[in-house]
Each structure stands twice: as C-alpha cells, then as structure tokens.
Amino acid sequence: MTLSEIIHDDHVVPELAATNRWEAIDELVDKLVECHAIAATDREAILDVVKKRETSMSTGIGFGIGIPHASTDLIDEVVGALGRSKDGINFDALDNQPVNLVVLFLVPQGQFQKHLHTLANIAKRLHNRDFRKALEEAPDAAAMLEIIRQPAS
C-alpha cells in the first residue's frame, strides 16, 4: 500500500509536540484513536506492539525520516498517521540526525507481504528529497495531504 492509501484526511499531525521517538509514537497512535481508525480500548496494546518493534531496532532510517510500524490482530486493514516536527525529534536514527517526518503504520497480523510492500513504498517515497522538502514546508495538514496525494514522480 502507498502513503496516500493509508494516510486519510484526519491522520496528519502538522506539528508534533514530541521530543523523542516514544512521544512521537504516542502522539500518532493517539491521532489514530481520535479519528476512530483504531479503538480507544486497543490503544495500550497497539502502543506496546509498536514500541516493542521500535526497541528491537530504530525505524529512524536517515534523511530525517522515521517509520515506526507493527503488525497487530487488533485491526482489519492497514492504517497510518503522519506527523511532522519542524524542530526535529531524537529518533536514534541510523544517521544520528533528528527526524522531521514520522509515518506510523499498522498492518493486520499475518499480512507479511503487505507489511513489507507498504514499508518499501513509504521509504521509497520519503527518500525523494523534493517530496520531503514539500512536506516539511507545507503550511498545514491539508497542504500535506495534497502533497501526499500527488502521483509519485
């Protein structure tokens, strides 16, 4: 799945308050709860599975990008949220640089191929310098969504 398929209208946080990866994950999971993409009763269990995955290896892949993700049986379809930090977040990234764009996504348990393809599609799209720059400079969530919905060049 692509970024535009999993990031819906109300799944964008244009200014994350987070200062580290754990707070960013909390904030994006809370966004998914707030817009009813995941059940409030599943919040803690989902946070646990995402943080467990993140503990095994940081999803800060460099270039100011973090892609925390996990599989869970608490959802029926892939869901995601996008957060932006203008100041940057300490994500223990591979390049030791702060992260400005965080895409959190969840995949239903057992859909390993979909999980890998989704991760690859998101990473590929975010590796485009012009795309990242456009997202970083967008004035608000609506503009960020518009950028995501444009076909990849």
Foldseek 3Di string as FASTA:
>chain_A
DAPLVAEDLQQEAAAQPAQAPLSVLLVNLVSCCVVVVFPPVCSVVVSVFQVVVCVVDFQQADPQEGEGEGEEQRHDAKHKHKYAHLVFHQRVHPVRGGHGIYIYMYGYPPPVVVVVVHVVNHVVQCVPPVLVVQSSPDPDSVSNSVSRPDDRD
